[in-house]
Amino acid sequence: MAAAANALHCFRPPDRPVFWRMLIAQARLYQGLVRSRATTFRVPVSSQQWADLLRLEEQEGFRWRSPDDGGAPLEETLAVTDRYLQAKVVTTWQRQHP
């Protein structure tokens, strides 16, 4: 029963692509929060600054795809999460802080 309840048990990105995208988006948000704690942090004002804040560091550690695996390449997953974060985080921030 515990294994059935554990979302990460035997997890493979090709088997659960939406969950994988959610994990990548969460990693990017976490890394952005860590970067925002720097003493030199400034709230982003341009699209490029937002992209820099929400970039995924150490991408090779997130590259699960092998030639025998199915599923989307990491670049596609990053593009999808870019659009999601732009729509949800950046747009929301800009709307609340005109």
PDB file of N, CA and C in Angstrom:
ATOM      1  N   MET A   1       0.810  -1.194   0.000  1.00  0.00           N
ATOM      2  CA  MET A   1       0.000   0.000   0.000  1.00  0.00           C
ATOM      3  C   MET A   1       0.855   1.260   0.000  1.00  0.00           C
ATOM      4  N   ALA A   2       1.943   1.266   0.771  1.00  0.00           N
ATOM      5  CA  ALA A   2       2.797   2.447   0.829  1.00  0.00           C
ATOM      6  C   ALA A   2       3.409   2.735  -0.538  1.00  0.00           C
ATOM      7  N   ALA A   3       3.804   1.693  -1.266  1.00  0.00           N
ATOM      8  CA  ALA A   3       4.398   1.888  -2.587  1.00  0.00           C
ATOM      9  C   ALA A   3       3.380   2.497  -3.553  1.00  0.00           C
ATOM     10  N   ALA A   4       2.129   2.116  -3.439  1.00  0.00           N
ATOM     11  CA  ALA A   4       1.096   2.655  -4.325  1.00  0.00           C
ATOM     12  C   ALA A   4       0.837   4.133  -4.027  1.00  0.00           C
ATOM     13  N   ALA A   5       1.042   4.544  -2.797  1.00  0.00           N
ATOM     14  CA  ALA A   5       0.793   5.920  -2.406  1.00  0.00           C
ATOM     15  C   ALA A   5       1.995   6.826  -2.682  1.00  0.00           C
ATOM     16  N   ASN A   6       3.167   6.250  -2.904  1.00  0.00           N
ATOM     17  CA  ASN A   6       4.372   7.032  -3.119  1.00  0.00           C
ATOM     18  C   ASN A   6       4.489   7.411  -4.594  1.00  0.00           C
ATOM     19  N   ALA A   7       4.353   8.680  -4.892  1.00  0.00           N
ATOM     20  CA  ALA A   7       4.377   9.145  -6.284  1.00  0.00           C
ATOM     21  C   ALA A   7       5.728   8.942  -6.944  1.00  0.00           C
ATOM     22  N   LEU A   8       6.780   8.807  -6.158  1.00  0.00           N
ATOM     23  CA  LEU A   8       8.111   8.663  -6.732  1.00  0.00           C
ATOM     24  C   LEU A   8       8.569   7.211  -6.837  1.00  0.00           C
ATOM     25  N   HIS A   9       7.793   6.285  -6.309  1.00  0.00           N
ATOM     26  CA  HIS A   9       8.178   4.876  -6.365  1.00  0.00           C
ATOM     27  C   HIS A   9       8.223   4.403  -7.817  1.00  0.00           C
ATOM     28  N   CYS A  10       9.380   3.928  -8.239  1.00  0.00           N
ATOM     29  CA  CYS A  10       9.591   3.455  -9.610  1.00  0.00           C
ATOM     30  C   CYS A  10       9.269   4.535 -10.646  1.00  0.00           C
ATOM     31  N   PHE A  11       9.467   5.776 -10.269  1.00  0.00           N
ATOM     32  CA  PHE A  11       9.132   6.890 -11.165  1.00  0.00           C
ATOM     33  C   PHE A  11      10.098   6.964 -12.332  1.00  0.00           C
ATOM     34  N   ARG A  12       9.549   7.191 -13.522  1.00  0.00           N
ATOM     35  CA  ARG A  12      10.319   7.463 -14.734  1.00  0.00           C
ATOM     36  C   ARG A  12       9.584   8.570 -15.484  1.00  0.00           C
ATOM     37  N   PRO A  13      10.284   9.628 -15.890  1.00  0.00           N
ATOM     38  CA  PRO A  13       9.626  10.739 -16.591  1.00  0.00           C
ATOM     39  C   PRO A  13       8.785  10.324 -17.798  1.00  0.00           C
ATOM     40  N   PRO A  14       9.226   9.346 -18.622  1.00  0.00           N
ATOM     41  CA  PRO A  14       8.385   8.991 -19.773  1.00  0.00           C
ATOM     42  C   PRO A  14       7.024   8.405 -19.367  1.00  0.00           C
ATOM     43  N   ASP A  15       6.972   7.803 -18.179  1.00  0.00           N
ATOM     44  CA  ASP A  15       5.720   7.192 -17.724  1.00  0.00           C
ATOM     45  C   ASP A  15       4.736   8.217 -17.158  1.00  0.00           C
ATOM     46  N   ARG A  16       5.245   9.331 -16.647  1.00  0.00           N
ATOM     47  CA  ARG A  16       4.390  10.355 -16.033  1.00  0.00           C
ATOM     48  C   ARG A  16       4.886  11.744 -16.414  1.00  0.00           C
ATOM     49  N   PRO A  17       4.723  12.132 -17.682  1.00  0.00           N
ATOM     50  CA  PRO A  17       5.312  13.387 -18.163  1.00  0.00           C
ATOM     51  C   PRO A  17       4.763  14.643 -17.491  1.00  0.00           C
ATOM     52  N   VAL A  18       3.505  14.656 -17.132  1.00  0.00           N
ATOM     53  CA  VAL A  18       2.951  15.851 -16.481  1.00  0.00           C
ATOM     54  C   VAL A  18       3.548  16.006 -15.084  1.00  0.00           C
ATOM     55  N   PHE A  19       3.664  14.910 -14.364  1.00  0.00           N
ATOM     56  CA  PHE A  19       4.289  14.934 -13.036  1.00  0.00           C
ATOM     57  C   PHE A  19       5.749  15.378 -13.162  1.00  0.00           C
ATOM     58  N   TRP A  20       6.446  14.903 -14.185  1.00  0.00           N
ATOM     59  CA  TRP A  20       7.827  15.298 -14.427  1.00  0.00           C
ATOM     60  C   TRP A  20       7.929  16.808 -14.670  1.00  0.00           C
ATOM     61  N   ARG A  21       7.023  17.360 -15.466  1.00  0.00           N
ATOM     62  CA  ARG A  21       7.024  18.808 -15.708  1.00  0.00           C
ATOM     63  C   ARG A  21       6.781  19.581 -14.420  1.00  0.00           C
ATOM     64  N   MET A  22       5.890  19.064 -13.595  1.00  0.00           N
ATOM     65  CA  MET A  22       5.611  19.710 -12.320  1.00  0.00           C
ATOM     66  C   MET A  22       6.859  19.703 -11.438  1.00  0.00           C
ATOM     67  N   LEU A  23       7.582  18.607 -11.403  1.00  0.00           N
ATOM     68  CA  LEU A  23       8.809  18.530 -10.609  1.00  0.00           C
ATOM     69  C   LEU A  23       9.877  19.493 -11.139  1.00  0.00           C
ATOM     70  N   ILE A  24       9.997  19.592 -12.460  1.00  0.00           N
ATOM     71  CA  ILE A  24      10.962  20.521 -13.050  1.00  0.00           C
ATOM     72  C   ILE A  24      10.573  21.962 -12.710  1.00  0.00           C
ATOM     73  N   ALA A  25       9.295  22.303 -12.833  1.00  0.00           N
ATOM     74  CA  ALA A  25       8.833  23.657 -12.487  1.00  0.00           C
ATOM     75  C   ALA A  25       9.108  23.939 -11.012  1.00  0.00           C
ATOM     76  N   GLN A  26       8.883  22.967 -10.163  1.00  0.00           N
ATOM     77  CA  GLN A  26       9.120  23.138  -8.732  1.00  0.00           C
ATOM     78  C   GLN A  26      10.615  23.346  -8.458  1.00  0.00           C
ATOM     79  N   ALA A  27      11.467  22.608  -9.145  1.00  0.00           N
ATOM     80  CA  ALA A  27      12.914  22.781  -8.977  1.00  0.00           C
ATOM     81  C   ALA A  27      13.341  24.186  -9.406  1.00  0.00           C
ATOM     82  N   ARG A  28      12.772  24.659 -10.503  1.00  0.00           N
ATOM     83  CA  ARG A  28      13.108  25.996 -10.985  1.00  0.00           C
ATOM     84  C   ARG A  28      12.633  27.072 -10.009  1.00  0.00           C
ATOM     85  N   LEU A  29      11.444  26.902  -9.453  1.00  0.00           N
ATOM     86  CA  LEU A  29      10.944  27.853  -8.459  1.00  0.00           C
ATOM     87  C   LEU A  29      11.827  27.848  -7.213  1.00  0.00           C
ATOM     88  N   TYR A  30      12.202  26.672  -6.763  1.00  0.00           N
ATOM     89  CA  TYR A  30      13.065  26.566  -5.583  1.00  0.00           C
ATOM     90  C   TYR A  30      14.403  27.255  -5.843  1.00  0.00           C
ATOM     91  N   GLN A  31      15.024  26.972  -6.990  1.00  0.00           N
ATOM     92  CA  GLN A  31      16.304  27.599  -7.308  1.00  0.00           C
ATOM     93  C   GLN A  31      16.155  29.121  -7.410  1.00  0.00           C
ATOM     94  N   GLY A  32      15.028  29.579  -7.952  1.00  0.00           N
ATOM     95  CA  GLY A  32      14.769  31.017  -8.013  1.00  0.00           C
ATOM     96  C   GLY A  32      14.637  31.632  -6.627  1.00  0.00           C
ATOM     97  N   LEU A  33      13.979  30.918  -5.719  1.00  0.00           N
ATOM     98  CA  LEU A  33      13.865  31.415  -4.341  1.00  0.00           C
ATOM     99  C   LEU A  33      15.230  31.496  -3.678  1.00  0.00           C
ATOM    100  N   VAL A  34      16.068  30.505  -3.910  1.00  0.00           N
ATOM    101  CA  VAL A  34      17.421  30.530  -3.351  1.00  0.00           C
ATOM    102  C   VAL A  34      18.192  31.730  -3.908  1.00  0.00           C
ATOM    103  N   ARG A  35      18.107  31.955  -5.226  1.00  0.00           N
ATOM    104  CA  ARG A  35      18.795  33.098  -5.831  1.00  0.00           C
ATOM    105  C   ARG A  35      18.270  34.422  -5.276  1.00  0.00           C
ATOM    106  N   SER A  36      16.982  34.473  -4.944  1.00  0.00           N
ATOM    107  CA  SER A  36      16.400  35.727  -4.447  1.00  0.00           C
ATOM    108  C   SER A  36      16.909  36.086  -3.049  1.00  0.00           C
ATOM    109  N   ARG A  37      17.581  35.179  -2.399  1.00  0.00           N
ATOM    110  CA  ARG A  37      18.115  35.444  -1.067  1.00  0.00           C
ATOM    111  C   ARG A  37      19.501  36.103  -1.116  1.00  0.00           C
ATOM    112  N   ALA A  38      20.073  36.215  -2.300  1.00  0.00           N
ATOM    113  CA  ALA A  38      21.391  36.848  -2.442  1.00  0.00           C
ATOM    114  C   ALA A  38      21.306  38.315  -2.058  1.00  0.00           C
ATOM    115  N   THR A  39      22.363  38.834  -1.490  1.00  0.00           N
ATOM    116  CA  THR A  39      22.363  40.241  -1.073  1.00  0.00           C
ATOM    117  C   THR A  39      22.295  41.187  -2.266  1.00  0.00           C
ATOM    118  N   THR A  40      22.690  40.701  -3.426  1.00  0.00           N
ATOM    119  CA  THR A  40      22.665  41.541  -4.628  1.00  0.00           C
ATOM    120  C   THR A  40      21.374  41.394  -5.427  1.00  0.00           C
ATOM    121  N   PHE A  41      20.406  40.668  -4.895  1.00  0.00           N
ATOM    122  CA  PHE A  41      19.165  40.403  -5.635  1.00  0.00           C
ATOM    123  C   PHE A  41      18.379  41.680  -5.880  1.00  0.00           C
ATOM    124  N   ARG A  42      17.888  41.784  -7.106  1.00  0.00           N
ATOM    125  CA  ARG A  42      16.961  42.844  -7.501  1.00  0.00           C
ATOM    126  C   ARG A  42      15.783  42.186  -8.196  1.00  0.00           C
ATOM    127  N   VAL A  43      14.594  42.695  -7.941  1.00  0.00           N
ATOM    128  CA  VAL A  43      13.400  42.138  -8.582  1.00  0.00           C
ATOM    129  C   VAL A  43      13.546  42.301 -10.096  1.00  0.00           C
ATOM    130  N   PRO A  44      13.331  41.225 -10.844  1.00  0.00           N
ATOM    131  CA  PRO A  44      13.461  41.307 -12.305  1.00  0.00           C
ATOM    132  C   PRO A  44      12.462  42.302 -12.898  1.00  0.00           C
ATOM    133  N   VAL A  45      12.909  43.014 -13.929  1.00  0.00           N
ATOM    134  CA  VAL A  45      12.022  43.935 -14.621  1.00  0.00           C
ATOM    135  C   VAL A  45      11.853  43.562 -16.091  1.00  0.00           C
ATOM    136  N   SER A  46      12.758  42.759 -16.611  1.00  0.00           N
ATOM    137  CA  SER A  46      12.663  42.361 -18.020  1.00  0.00           C
ATOM    138  C   SER A  46      12.416  40.854 -18.129  1.00  0.00           C
ATOM    139  N   SER A  47      11.984  40.449 -19.287  1.00  0.00           N
ATOM    140  CA  SER A  47      11.754  39.018 -19.533  1.00  0.00           C
ATOM    141  C   SER A  47      13.036  38.227 -19.358  1.00  0.00           C
ATOM    142  N   GLN A  48      14.166  38.765 -19.801  1.00  0.00           N
ATOM    143  CA  GLN A  48      15.438  38.072 -19.665  1.00  0.00           C
ATOM    144  C   GLN A  48      15.837  37.918 -18.199  1.00  0.00           C
ATOM    145  N   GLN A  49      15.586  38.941 -17.394  1.00  0.00           N
ATOM    146  CA  GLN A  49      15.895  38.851 -15.966  1.00  0.00           C
ATOM    147  C   GLN A  49      15.035  37.799 -15.274  1.00  0.00           C
ATOM    148  N   TRP A  50      13.757  37.705 -15.664  1.00  0.00           N
ATOM    149  CA  TRP A  50      12.900  36.655 -15.117  1.00  0.00           C
ATOM    150  C   TRP A  50      13.399  35.277 -15.543  1.00  0.00           C
ATOM    151  N   ALA A  51      13.801  35.153 -16.809  1.00  0.00           N
ATOM    152  CA  ALA A  51      14.322  33.873 -17.302  1.00  0.00           C
ATOM    153  C   ALA A  51      15.580  33.485 -16.527  1.00  0.00           C
ATOM    154  N   ASP A  52      16.442  34.461 -16.255  1.00  0.00           N
ATOM    155  CA  ASP A  52      17.659  34.180 -15.484  1.00  0.00           C
ATOM    156  C   ASP A  52      17.321  33.740 -14.063  1.00  0.00           C
ATOM    157  N   LEU A  53      16.353  34.404 -13.457  1.00  0.00           N
ATOM    158  CA  LEU A  53      15.962  34.055 -12.086  1.00  0.00           C
ATOM    159  C   LEU A  53      15.402  32.641 -12.016  1.00  0.00           C
ATOM    160  N   LEU A  54      14.598  32.261 -13.004  1.00  0.00           N
ATOM    161  CA  LEU A  54      13.906  30.974 -12.970  1.00  0.00           C
ATOM    162  C   LEU A  54      14.593  29.885 -13.794  1.00  0.00           C
ATOM    163  N   ARG A  55      15.843  30.091 -14.162  1.00  0.00           N
ATOM    164  CA  ARG A  55      16.560  29.079 -14.950  1.00  0.00           C
ATOM    165  C   ARG A  55      16.836  27.838 -14.092  1.00  0.00           C
ATOM    166  N   LEU A  56      16.986  26.725 -14.751  1.00  0.00           N
ATOM    167  CA  LEU A  56      17.300  25.467 -14.071  1.00  0.00           C
ATOM    168  C   LEU A  56      18.800  25.252 -14.122  1.00  0.00           C
ATOM    169  N   GLU A  57      19.426  25.262 -12.967  1.00  0.00           N
ATOM    170  CA  GLU A  57      20.866  25.023 -12.885  1.00  0.00           C
ATOM    171  C   GLU A  57      21.140  23.519 -12.895  1.00  0.00           C
ATOM    172  N   GLU A  58      22.355  23.175 -13.290  1.00  0.00           N
ATOM    173  CA  GLU A  58      22.807  21.783 -13.304  1.00  0.00           C
ATOM    174  C   GLU A  58      21.825  20.895 -14.067  1.00  0.00           C
ATOM    175  N   GLN A  59      21.503  21.308 -15.272  1.00  0.00           N
ATOM    176  CA  GLN A  59      20.506  20.608 -16.081  1.00  0.00           C
ATOM    177  C   GLN A  59      20.865  19.154 -16.356  1.00  0.00           C
ATOM    178  N   GLU A  60      22.141  18.850 -16.444  1.00  0.00           N
ATOM    179  CA  GLU A  60      22.537  17.470 -16.741  1.00  0.00           C
ATOM    180  C   GLU A  60      22.022  16.494 -15.686  1.00  0.00           C
ATOM    181  N   GLY A  61      21.887  16.952 -14.460  1.00  0.00           N
ATOM    182  CA  GLY A  61      21.355  16.106 -13.400  1.00  0.00           C
ATOM    183  C   GLY A  61      19.875  15.783 -13.577  1.00  0.00           C
ATOM    184  N   PHE A  62      19.200  16.532 -14.438  1.00  0.00           N
ATOM    185  CA  PHE A  62      17.770  16.325 -14.695  1.00  0.00           C
ATOM    186  C   PHE A  62      17.528  15.603 -16.021  1.00  0.00           C
ATOM    187  N   ARG A  63      18.591  15.239 -16.703  1.00  0.00           N
ATOM    188  CA  ARG A  63      18.477  14.606 -18.017  1.00  0.00           C
ATOM    189  C   ARG A  63      18.379  13.089 -17.836  1.00  0.00           C
ATOM    190  N   TRP A  64      17.148  12.582 -17.777  1.00  0.00           N
ATOM    191  CA  TRP A  64      16.901  11.155 -17.551  1.00  0.00           C
ATOM    192  C   TRP A  64      16.795  10.375 -18.846  1.00  0.00           C
ATOM    193  N   ARG A  65      16.660  11.046 -19.919  1.00  0.00           N
ATOM    194  CA  ARG A  65      16.393  10.389 -21.191  1.00  0.00           C
ATOM    195  C   ARG A  65      17.621   9.622 -21.690  1.00  0.00           C
ATOM    196  N   SER A  66      17.418   8.413 -22.101  1.00  0.00           N
ATOM    197  CA  SER A  66      18.465   7.617 -22.739  1.00  0.00           C
ATOM    198  C   SER A  66      17.945   7.235 -24.123  1.00  0.00           C
ATOM    199  N   PRO A  67      18.801   6.739 -25.016  1.00  0.00           N
ATOM    200  CA  PRO A  67      18.339   6.377 -26.358  1.00  0.00           C
ATOM    201  C   PRO A  67      17.203   5.354 -26.349  1.00  0.00           C
ATOM    202  N   ASP A  68      17.161   4.503 -25.339  1.00  0.00           N
ATOM    203  CA  ASP A  68      16.118   3.472 -25.268  1.00  0.00           C
ATOM    204  C   ASP A  68      14.835   3.965 -24.619  1.00  0.00           C
ATOM    205  N   ASP A  69      14.899   5.120 -23.974  1.00  0.00           N
ATOM    206  CA  ASP A  69      13.735   5.663 -23.277  1.00  0.00           C
ATOM    207  C   ASP A  69      12.831   6.405 -24.244  1.00  0.00           C
ATOM    208  N   GLY A  70      11.571   6.455 -23.890  1.00  0.00           N
ATOM    209  CA  GLY A  70      10.655   7.320 -24.622  1.00  0.00           C
ATOM    210  C   GLY A  70      10.587   8.637 -23.878  1.00  0.00           C
ATOM    211  N   GLY A  71       9.610   9.412 -24.178  1.00  0.00           N
ATOM    212  CA  GLY A  71       9.398  10.656 -23.451  1.00  0.00           C
ATOM    213  C   GLY A  71      10.052  11.843 -24.118  1.00  0.00           C
ATOM    214  N   ALA A  72       9.713  12.989 -23.613  1.00  0.00           N
ATOM    215  CA  ALA A  72      10.188  14.250 -24.181  1.00  0.00           C
ATOM    216  C   ALA A  72      11.612  14.543 -23.725  1.00  0.00           C
ATOM    217  N   PRO A  73      12.408  15.136 -24.610  1.00  0.00           N
ATOM    218  CA  PRO A  73      13.743  15.565 -24.183  1.00  0.00           C
ATOM    219  C   PRO A  73      13.642  16.706 -23.169  1.00  0.00           C
ATOM    220  N   LEU A  74      14.685  16.882 -22.386  1.00  0.00           N
ATOM    221  CA  LEU A  74      14.676  17.913 -21.349  1.00  0.00           C
ATOM    222  C   LEU A  74      14.396  19.291 -21.931  1.00  0.00           C
ATOM    223  N   GLU A  75      14.929  19.591 -23.110  1.00  0.00           N
ATOM    224  CA  GLU A  75      14.710  20.907 -23.718  1.00  0.00           C
ATOM    225  C   GLU A  75      13.214  21.177 -23.938  1.00  0.00           C
ATOM    226  N   GLU A  76      12.477  20.163 -24.317  1.00  0.00           N
ATOM    227  CA  GLU A  76      11.028  20.328 -24.497  1.00  0.00           C
ATOM    228  C   GLU A  76      10.347  20.571 -23.153  1.00  0.00           C
ATOM    229  N   THR A  77      10.760  19.831 -22.145  1.00  0.00           N
ATOM    230  CA  THR A  77      10.200  20.016 -20.802  1.00  0.00           C
ATOM    231  C   THR A  77      10.508  21.420 -20.290  1.00  0.00           C
ATOM    232  N   LEU A  78      11.723  21.910 -20.541  1.00  0.00           N
ATOM    233  CA  LEU A  78      12.075  23.266 -20.117  1.00  0.00           C
ATOM    234  C   LEU A  78      11.244  24.309 -20.854  1.00  0.00           C
ATOM    235  N   ALA A  79      10.983  24.088 -22.132  1.00  0.00           N
ATOM    236  CA  ALA A  79      10.159  25.028 -22.900  1.00  0.00           C
ATOM    237  C   ALA A  79       8.735  25.081 -22.345  1.00  0.00           C
ATOM    238  N   VAL A  80       8.188  23.924 -21.995  1.00  0.00           N
ATOM    239  CA  VAL A  80       6.835  23.872 -21.428  1.00  0.00           C
ATOM    240  C   VAL A  80       6.807  24.581 -20.078  1.00  0.00           C
ATOM    241  N   THR A  81       7.811  24.320 -19.235  1.00  0.00           N
ATOM    242  CA  THR A  81       7.826  24.972 -17.926  1.00  0.00           C
ATOM    243  C   THR A  81       8.131  26.462 -18.047  1.00  0.00           C
ATOM    244  N   ASP A  82       8.889  26.865 -19.082  1.00  0.00           N
ATOM    245  CA  ASP A  82       9.087  28.305 -19.343  1.00  0.00           C
ATOM    246  C   ASP A  82       7.751  28.995 -19.541  1.00  0.00           C
ATOM    247  N   ARG A  83       6.937  28.415 -20.407  1.00  0.00           N
ATOM    248  CA  ARG A  83       5.626  29.022 -20.694  1.00  0.00           C
ATOM    249  C   ARG A  83       4.749  29.044 -19.442  1.00  0.00           C
ATOM    250  N   TYR A  84       4.769  27.970 -18.667  1.00  0.00           N
ATOM    251  CA  TYR A  84       3.960  27.901 -17.450  1.00  0.00           C
ATOM    252  C   TYR A  84       4.410  28.966 -16.443  1.00  0.00           C
ATOM    253  N   LEU A  85       5.715  29.035 -16.203  1.00  0.00           N
ATOM    254  CA  LEU A  85       6.221  29.999 -15.227  1.00  0.00           C
ATOM    255  C   LEU A  85       6.003  31.429 -15.686  1.00  0.00           C
ATOM    256  N   GLN A  86       6.123  31.669 -16.966  1.00  0.00           N
ATOM    257  CA  GLN A  86       5.848  33.006 -17.509  1.00  0.00           C
ATOM    258  C   GLN A  86       4.389  33.382 -17.257  1.00  0.00           C
ATOM    259  N   ALA A  87       3.489  32.442 -17.529  1.00  0.00           N
ATOM    260  CA  ALA A  87       2.051  32.714 -17.380  1.00  0.00           C
ATOM    261  C   ALA A  87       1.635  32.854 -15.926  1.00  0.00           C
ATOM    262  N   LYS A  88       2.203  32.041 -15.056  1.00  0.00           N
ATOM    263  CA  LYS A  88       1.738  32.019 -13.665  1.00  0.00           C
ATOM    264  C   LYS A  88       2.544  32.917 -12.730  1.00  0.00           C
ATOM    265  N   VAL A  89       3.844  32.924 -12.858  1.00  0.00           N
ATOM    266  CA  VAL A  89       4.678  33.682 -11.917  1.00  0.00           C
ATOM    267  C   VAL A  89       4.904  35.107 -12.407  1.00  0.00           C
ATOM    268  N   VAL A  90       5.460  35.236 -13.593  1.00  0.00           N
ATOM    269  CA  VAL A  90       5.828  36.560 -14.094  1.00  0.00           C
ATOM    270  C   VAL A  90       4.594  37.424 -14.304  1.00  0.00           C
ATOM    271  N   THR A  91       3.595  36.893 -14.964  1.00  0.00           N
ATOM    272  CA  THR A  91       2.385  37.664 -15.231  1.00  0.00           C
ATOM    273  C   THR A  91       1.680  38.055 -13.932  1.00  0.00           C
ATOM    274  N   THR A  92       1.622  37.143 -12.981  1.00  0.00           N
ATOM    275  CA  THR A  92       0.986  37.445 -11.695  1.00  0.00           C
ATOM    276  C   THR A  92       1.750  38.544 -10.970  1.00  0.00           C
ATOM    277  N   TRP A  93       3.091  38.449 -10.962  1.00  0.00           N
ATOM    278  CA  TRP A  93       3.904  39.480 -10.311  1.00  0.00           C
ATOM    279  C   TRP A  93       3.659  40.843 -10.964  1.00  0.00           C
ATOM    280  N   GLN A  94       3.695  40.872 -12.279  1.00  0.00           N
ATOM    281  CA  GLN A  94       3.527  42.137 -12.996  1.00  0.00           C
ATOM    282  C   GLN A  94       2.141  42.728 -12.772  1.00  0.00           C
ATOM    283  N   ARG A  95       1.138  41.886 -12.667  1.00  0.00           N
ATOM    284  CA  ARG A  95      -0.221  42.363 -12.423  1.00  0.00           C
ATOM    285  C   ARG A  95      -0.356  42.948 -11.015  1.00  0.00           C
ATOM    286  N   GLN A  96       0.329  42.357 -10.056  1.00  0.00           N
ATOM    287  CA  GLN A  96       0.227  42.821  -8.663  1.00  0.00           C
ATOM    288  C   GLN A  96       1.165  43.971  -8.337  1.00  0.00           C
ATOM    289  N   HIS A  97       2.175  44.195  -9.195  1.00  0.00           N
ATOM    290  CA  HIS A  97       3.150  45.252  -8.961  1.00  0.00           C
ATOM    291  C   HIS A  97       3.330  46.083 -10.233  1.00  0.00           C
ATOM    292  N   PRO A  98       2.291  46.845 -10.602  1.00  0.00           N
ATOM    293  CA  PRO A  98       2.369  47.621 -11.861  1.00  0.00           C
ATOM    294  C   PRO A  98       3.415  48.728 -11.802  1.00  0.00           C
TER     295      PRO A  98
END
